[in-house]
C-alpha atoms as a PDB file:
ATOM      1  CA  MET A   1     -15.323  -1.162  -6.639  1.00  0.00           C
ATOM      2  CA  ARG A   2     -12.754   0.036  -4.122  1.00  0.00           C
ATOM      3  CA  TYR A   3      -9.369  -1.645  -3.729  1.00  0.00           C
ATOM      4  CA  LEU A   4      -6.566  -1.061  -1.263  1.00  0.00           C
ATOM      5  CA  MET A   5      -3.213  -1.364  -2.951  1.00  0.00           C
ATOM      6  CA  PHE A   6      -0.188  -2.158  -0.788  1.00  0.00           C
ATOM      7  CA  VAL A   7       3.206  -1.326  -2.295  1.00  0.00           C
ATOM      8  CA  CYS A   8       5.633  -3.897  -0.879  1.00  0.00           C
ATOM      9  CA  GLY A   9       9.369  -4.402  -1.012  1.00  0.00           C
ATOM     10  CA  ASP A  10      12.241  -5.799   0.979  1.00  0.00           C
ATOM     11  CA  GLY A  11      12.840  -2.521   2.825  1.00  0.00           C
ATOM     12  CA  THR A  12      15.686  -1.362   0.624  1.00  0.00           C
ATOM     13  CA  GLU A  13      15.535   1.242  -2.101  1.00  0.00           C
ATOM     14  CA  PRO A  14      16.113  -0.032  -5.659  1.00  0.00           C
ATOM     15  CA  ASP A  15      19.206   1.162  -7.488  1.00  0.00           C
ATOM     16  CA  VAL A  16      17.070   3.418  -9.709  1.00  0.00           C
ATOM     17  CA  ASP A  17      15.260   6.636  -8.812  1.00  0.00           C
ATOM     18  CA  LEU A  18      11.523   5.946  -8.908  1.00  0.00           C
ATOM     19  CA  GLN A  19      10.343   9.287  -7.505  1.00  0.00           C
ATOM     20  CA  ALA A  20       9.605  10.962 -10.836  1.00  0.00           C
ATOM     21  CA  ALA A  21       7.916   7.856 -12.237  1.00  0.00           C
ATOM     22  CA  THR A  22       5.834   7.462  -9.077  1.00  0.00           C
ATOM     23  CA  ARG A  23       4.786  11.123  -9.203  1.00  0.00           C
ATOM     24  CA  ALA A  24       3.723  10.623 -12.834  1.00  0.00           C
ATOM     25  CA  TRP A  25       1.699   7.517 -11.852  1.00  0.00           C
ATOM     26  CA  VAL A  26       0.017   9.460  -9.029  1.00  0.00           C
ATOM     27  CA  ALA A  27      -0.790  12.364 -11.373  1.00  0.00           C
ATOM     28  CA  GLU A  28      -2.293  10.009 -13.974  1.00  0.00           C
ATOM     29  CA  MET A  29      -4.408   8.071 -11.472  1.00  0.00           C
ATOM     30  CA  ASP A  30      -5.540  11.253  -9.702  1.00  0.00           C
ATOM     31  CA  GLY A  31      -6.431  12.745 -13.093  1.00  0.00           C
ATOM     32  CA  ARG A  32      -8.470   9.666 -14.000  1.00  0.00           C
ATOM     33  CA  GLY A  33     -10.288   9.854 -10.651  1.00  0.00           C
ATOM     34  CA  ILE A  34      -9.075   6.376  -9.687  1.00  0.00           C
ATOM     35  CA  ARG A  35      -6.724   7.150  -6.807  1.00  0.00           C
ATOM     36  CA  LYS A  36      -8.630   8.460  -3.788  1.00  0.00           C
ATOM     37  CA  THR A  37      -5.718   8.733  -1.353  1.00  0.00           C
ATOM     38  CA  GLY A  38      -2.338   7.205  -0.688  1.00  0.00           C
ATOM     39  CA  ASP A  39       1.095   7.835   0.711  1.00  0.00           C
ATOM     40  CA  ARG A  40       4.464   6.368   1.535  1.00  0.00           C
ATOM     41  CA  LEU A  41       4.990   4.819   4.940  1.00  0.00           C
ATOM     42  CA  ARG A  42       7.870   5.471   7.299  1.00  0.00           C
ATOM     43  CA  PRO A  43      10.440   2.645   7.618  1.00  0.00           C
ATOM     44  CA  VAL A  44       9.673  -0.512   9.604  1.00  0.00           C
ATOM     45  CA  ALA A  45      12.032   0.717  12.331  1.00  0.00           C
ATOM     46  CA  ASP A  46       9.465   3.459  13.086  1.00  0.00           C
ATOM     47  CA  ALA A  47       6.540   1.023  13.475  1.00  0.00           C
ATOM     48  CA  THR A  48       4.654   0.345  16.703  1.00  0.00           C
ATOM     49  CA  THR A  49       2.274  -2.565  17.275  1.00  0.00           C
ATOM     50  CA  GLY A  50      -0.548  -2.313  19.797  1.00  0.00           C
ATOM     51  CA  GLY A  51      -3.002  -4.752  21.270  1.00  0.00           C
ATOM     52  CA  VAL A  52      -4.619  -5.932  24.470  1.00  0.00           C
ATOM     53  CA  ARG A  53      -3.626  -9.087  26.352  1.00  0.00           C
ATOM     54  CA  GLY A  54      -5.278 -10.104  29.613  1.00  0.00           C
ATOM     55  CA  GLY A  55      -7.126  -6.790  29.686  1.00  0.00           C
ATOM     56  CA  GLU A  56      -3.871  -4.834  29.653  1.00  0.00           C
ATOM     57  CA  PRO A  57      -2.558  -2.722  26.789  1.00  0.00           C
ATOM     58  CA  LEU A  58       0.414  -4.221  24.992  1.00  0.00           C
ATOM     59  CA  VAL A  59       2.696  -1.991  22.938  1.00  0.00           C
ATOM     60  CA  THR A  60       5.689  -3.288  21.007  1.00  0.00           C
ATOM     61  CA  ASP A  61       8.219  -1.400  18.936  1.00  0.00           C
ATOM     62  CA  GLY A  62       8.388  -2.577  15.361  1.00  0.00           C
ATOM     63  CA  PRO A  63       5.950  -4.447  13.159  1.00  0.00           C
ATOM     64  CA  PHE A  64       3.951  -7.418  14.406  1.00  0.00           C
ATOM     65  CA  ALA A  65       4.530  -9.598  11.350  1.00  0.00           C
ATOM     66  CA  GLU A  66       7.973 -10.970  10.665  1.00  0.00           C
ATOM     67  CA  GLY A  67       8.930 -11.386   7.053  1.00  0.00           C
ATOM     68  CA  THR A  68      11.216 -10.268   4.309  1.00  0.00           C
ATOM     69  CA  GLU A  69       8.674  -7.987   2.605  1.00  0.00           C
ATOM     70  CA  VAL A  70       7.363  -4.813   4.175  1.00  0.00           C
ATOM     71  CA  ILE A  71       4.590  -2.436   3.170  1.00  0.00           C
ATOM     72  CA  GLY A  72       6.208   0.764   1.946  1.00  0.00           C
ATOM     73  CA  GLY A  73       3.076   2.600   0.873  1.00  0.00           C
ATOM     74  CA  PHE A  74      -0.603   2.346   0.065  1.00  0.00           C
ATOM     75  CA  ASP A  75      -3.225   3.716  -2.290  1.00  0.00           C
ATOM     76  CA  LEU A  76      -6.996   3.533  -2.127  1.00  0.00           C
ATOM     77  CA  LEU A  77      -8.370   2.999  -5.629  1.00  0.00           C
ATOM     78  CA  GLU A  78     -11.864   3.259  -7.096  1.00  0.00           C
ATOM     79  CA  CYS A  79     -11.993   1.060 -10.200  1.00  0.00           C
ATOM     80  CA  ALA A  80     -14.754  -0.235 -12.429  1.00  0.00           C
ATOM     81  CA  ASP A  81     -13.612  -3.827 -11.915  1.00  0.00           C
ATOM     82  CA  LEU A  82     -10.629  -6.063 -11.192  1.00  0.00           C
ATOM     83  CA  ASP A  83      -9.324  -5.713 -14.760  1.00  0.00           C
ATOM     84  CA  GLU A  84      -9.026  -1.945 -14.383  1.00  0.00           C
ATOM     85  CA  ALA A  85      -7.413  -2.345 -10.942  1.00  0.00           C
ATOM     86  CA  LEU A  86      -4.823  -4.735 -12.403  1.00  0.00           C
ATOM     87  CA  GLU A  87      -4.100  -2.268 -15.221  1.00  0.00           C
ATOM     88  CA  VAL A  88      -3.498   0.446 -12.608  1.00  0.00           C
ATOM     89  CA  VAL A  89      -1.177  -1.843 -10.607  1.00  0.00           C
ATOM     90  CA  GLY A  90       0.739  -2.765 -13.751  1.00  0.00           C
ATOM     91  CA  LYS A  91       1.514   0.897 -14.392  1.00  0.00           C
ATOM     92  CA  HIS A  92       2.936   1.520 -10.913  1.00  0.00           C
ATOM     93  CA  PRO A  93       6.752   1.914 -11.052  1.00  0.00           C
ATOM     94  CA  TRP A  94       7.277  -0.293  -7.991  1.00  0.00           C
ATOM     95  CA  ALA A  95       5.613  -3.233  -9.737  1.00  0.00           C
ATOM     96  CA  ALA A  96       8.955  -4.008 -11.399  1.00  0.00           C
ATOM     97  CA  TYR A  97      10.940  -3.911  -8.124  1.00  0.00           C
ATOM     98  CA  GLY A  98       8.672  -5.284  -5.408  1.00  0.00           C
ATOM     99  CA  GLY A  99       5.253  -6.756  -4.994  1.00  0.00           C
ATOM    100  CA  ILE A 100       1.950  -4.950  -5.078  1.00  0.00           C
ATOM    101  CA  GLU A 101      -0.894  -6.514  -3.151  1.00  0.00           C
ATOM    102  CA  LEU A 102      -4.339  -5.572  -4.374  1.00  0.00           C
ATOM    103  CA  ARG A 103      -7.198  -6.255  -2.000  1.00  0.00           C
ATOM    104  CA  PRO A 104     -10.905  -5.469  -2.512  1.00  0.00           C
ATOM    105  CA  VAL A 105     -12.452  -3.366   0.229  1.00  0.00           C
ATOM    106  CA  TRP A 106     -15.149  -5.251   2.080  1.00  0.00           C
ATOM    107  CA  GLU A 107     -17.947  -2.763   2.688  1.00  0.00           C
ATOM    108  CA  TRP A 108     -19.545  -2.585   6.134  1.00  0.00           C
ATOM    109  CA  LEU A 109     -22.771  -4.546   6.175  1.00  0.00           C
ATOM    110  CA  ASP A 110     -24.742  -1.717   7.798  1.00  0.00           C
ATOM    111  CA  ALA A 111     -23.480   0.999   5.442  1.00  0.00           C
END
């Protein structure tokens, strides 16, 4: 089963360096064949929201949603089941500093 994992935080960096630990997590999950892709996201200040209103394009600087938590990165996982996906999330270094949302991918009906 595929899951999209959103790495969330309050937009600030924790007072510890998580780069090495995150690289180790990525290497382990890539080695296990679980992580299919993923990356960090640029800061919220670099976001753009698009849509259509009244038939006209609408573009707004910044994120659409207002809140204290922002998505700082994502990973697409291929896991046997929810238990394995939760084990993978629990090993991610950011799990101790922010939230990690895990959402099953809903396959297209015609696929």
